[in-house]
Amino acid sequence: MSNYSENTAKINEFRKALKAELNDISEIDKTIMTKASSEGLRYAKKVTPVDTGHLRKSWRRSPVVKSKKGVSTSITNNVDYALYVNDGHRIVNKKGETTGFVKGRYMVEHARNRVAGVMRKLFSEEVRKIKAKYDS
């Protein structure tokens, strides 16, 4: 007595489940990057100081792009003085003498740290969901 047809059916079922799991996994990175970078954008806006509001309104996130190297996106601000607010700058009088220093607000660094934390959390959640879905 041969179990060929039964074994073939089980193998085909396993292959189908494995393909579905791989498809889910291949989309995780893009989903996580989108969510994490959106949170980073929100946080960058939150920690940006407001004078006129122009600097805060100028934060942008590029679309998430998937390539052979992985996924990528960027959070940018093209306001000409954004770098000075982020990193800090010296105060110079009319004679060219340094009279003080304005501390940086480090919005970029804060947003980057937020993105990293959110990515770790989201990745763990997604892996747990897939395991629960396919570990029956």
Protein backbone atom coordinates (compact mmCIF):
# COMPACT_ATOMS: atom_id res chain seq x y z
CA MET A 1 0.00 0.00 0.00
CA SER A 2 1.33 3.34 -1.03
CA ASN A 3 0.69 6.68 0.61
CA TYR A 4 1.92 8.48 -2.49
CA SER A 5 -1.24 10.49 -3.16
CA GLU A 6 -1.66 11.39 0.51
CA ASN A 7 1.99 12.43 0.81
CA THR A 8 1.80 14.42 -2.41
CA ALA A 9 -1.27 16.26 -1.12
CA LYS A 10 0.49 17.07 2.19
CA ILE A 11 3.63 18.27 0.38
CA ASN A 12 1.55 20.46 -1.95
CA GLU A 13 -0.32 21.87 1.05
CA PHE A 14 3.00 22.61 2.77
CA ARG A 15 4.38 24.31 -0.36
CA LYS A 16 1.27 26.46 -0.66
CA ALA A 17 1.51 27.52 3.00
CA LEU A 18 5.24 28.21 2.64
CA LYS A 19 4.70 30.40 -0.45
CA ALA A 20 1.99 32.36 1.38
CA GLU A 21 4.32 32.83 4.36
CA LEU A 22 7.18 34.01 2.12
CA ASN A 23 4.88 36.52 0.42
CA ASP A 24 3.85 37.86 3.82
CA ILE A 25 7.47 38.13 4.91
CA SER A 26 8.54 39.91 1.72
CA GLU A 27 6.05 42.71 2.39
CA ILE A 28 6.94 43.15 6.06
CA ASP A 29 9.97 45.34 5.43
CA LYS A 30 8.05 47.81 3.27
CA THR A 31 5.14 47.94 5.72
CA ILE A 32 7.43 48.45 8.69
CA MET A 33 9.46 51.14 6.93
CA THR A 34 6.31 53.01 5.93
CA LYS A 35 4.88 52.96 9.45
CA ALA A 36 8.19 53.76 11.16
CA SER A 37 9.11 56.61 8.82
CA SER A 38 5.63 58.09 9.18
CA GLU A 39 6.13 58.05 12.94
CA GLY A 40 9.58 59.62 12.47
CA LEU A 41 8.07 62.39 10.35
CA ARG A 42 5.39 63.04 12.96
CA TYR A 43 8.00 63.14 15.71
CA ALA A 44 10.36 65.43 13.75
CA LYS A 45 7.50 67.90 13.38
CA LYS A 46 6.66 67.58 17.06
CA VAL A 47 10.18 68.38 18.30
CA THR A 48 10.82 71.17 15.78
CA PRO A 49 10.65 74.57 17.48
CA VAL A 50 8.07 77.01 16.15
CA ASP A 51 8.70 80.65 15.39
CA THR A 52 6.75 81.19 12.17
CA GLY A 53 5.84 77.51 11.67
CA HIS A 54 7.60 77.35 8.30
CA LEU A 55 10.34 75.01 9.51
CA ARG A 56 7.86 72.60 11.09
CA LYS A 57 5.60 72.55 8.02
CA SER A 58 8.51 71.82 5.69
CA TRP A 59 9.24 68.26 6.83
CA ARG A 60 8.62 65.67 4.08
CA ARG A 61 8.93 61.90 3.73
CA SER A 62 9.81 60.30 0.42
CA PRO A 63 7.95 57.18 -0.72
CA VAL A 64 9.30 53.86 0.49
CA VAL A 65 11.35 52.24 -2.27
CA LYS A 66 12.18 48.55 -2.36
CA SER A 67 15.37 47.42 -4.10
CA LYS A 68 17.75 44.47 -4.03
CA LYS A 69 19.55 46.11 -1.09
CA GLY A 70 16.34 46.44 0.95
CA VAL A 71 13.90 49.25 1.52
CA SER A 72 14.64 52.92 1.93
CA THR A 73 13.00 56.27 2.47
CA SER A 74 14.09 59.65 3.73
CA ILE A 75 12.73 62.37 5.93
CA THR A 76 13.89 65.78 4.76
CA ASN A 77 13.50 69.47 5.40
CA ASN A 78 14.67 71.85 2.69
CA VAL A 79 14.40 75.08 4.69
CA ASP A 80 17.74 76.87 4.41
CA TYR A 81 18.15 77.40 8.16
CA ALA A 82 17.05 73.90 9.24
CA LEU A 83 20.66 72.77 9.67
CA TYR A 84 21.40 75.67 12.02
CA VAL A 85 18.37 74.96 14.17
CA ASN A 86 19.19 71.24 14.26
CA ASP A 87 22.93 71.50 14.97
CA GLY A 88 23.14 74.85 16.73
CA HIS A 89 25.09 77.90 15.65
CA ARG A 90 27.20 80.74 16.94
CA ILE A 91 25.93 84.29 17.31
CA VAL A 92 28.13 86.89 15.65
CA ASN A 93 27.99 90.67 16.13
CA LYS A 94 28.53 93.24 13.35
CA LYS A 95 32.28 93.21 13.98
CA GLY A 96 32.39 89.48 13.24
CA GLU A 97 33.02 88.55 16.85
CA THR A 98 31.36 85.52 18.36
CA THR A 99 29.09 86.69 21.18
CA GLY A 100 27.31 83.48 22.00
CA PHE A 101 26.03 80.14 20.87
CA VAL A 102 22.52 78.78 20.26
CA LYS A 103 22.26 75.12 21.21
CA GLY A 104 21.01 72.71 18.60
CA ARG A 105 17.57 71.11 18.88
CA TYR A 106 18.68 67.85 17.17
CA MET A 107 15.31 67.14 15.55
CA VAL A 108 16.90 64.82 12.98
CA GLU A 109 18.67 62.72 15.60
CA HIS A 110 15.56 62.51 17.76
CA ALA A 111 13.47 61.43 14.76
CA ARG A 112 16.10 58.86 13.72
CA ASN A 113 16.11 57.34 17.20
CA ARG A 114 12.31 57.23 17.21
CA VAL A 115 12.28 55.46 13.83
CA ALA A 116 14.78 52.85 15.04
CA GLY A 117 12.73 52.09 18.14
CA VAL A 118 9.47 51.89 16.22
CA MET A 119 11.06 49.62 13.61
CA ARG A 120 12.23 47.15 16.26
CA LYS A 121 8.78 47.10 17.84
CA LEU A 122 6.89 46.75 14.55
CA PHE A 123 9.22 44.04 13.25
CA SER A 124 8.72 41.98 16.41
CA GLU A 125 4.94 42.39 16.13
CA GLU A 126 4.89 41.37 12.46
CA VAL A 127 7.05 38.29 13.06
CA ARG A 128 4.78 37.29 15.94
CA LYS A 129 1.69 37.68 13.70
CA ILE A 130 3.19 35.52 10.94
CA LYS A 131 4.28 32.87 13.40
CA ALA A 132 0.78 32.77 14.88
CA LYS A 133 -0.76 32.56 11.43
CA TYR A 134 1.41 29.69 10.18
CA ASP A 135 2.32 27.81 13.37
CA SER A 136 -0.84 25.85 13.76
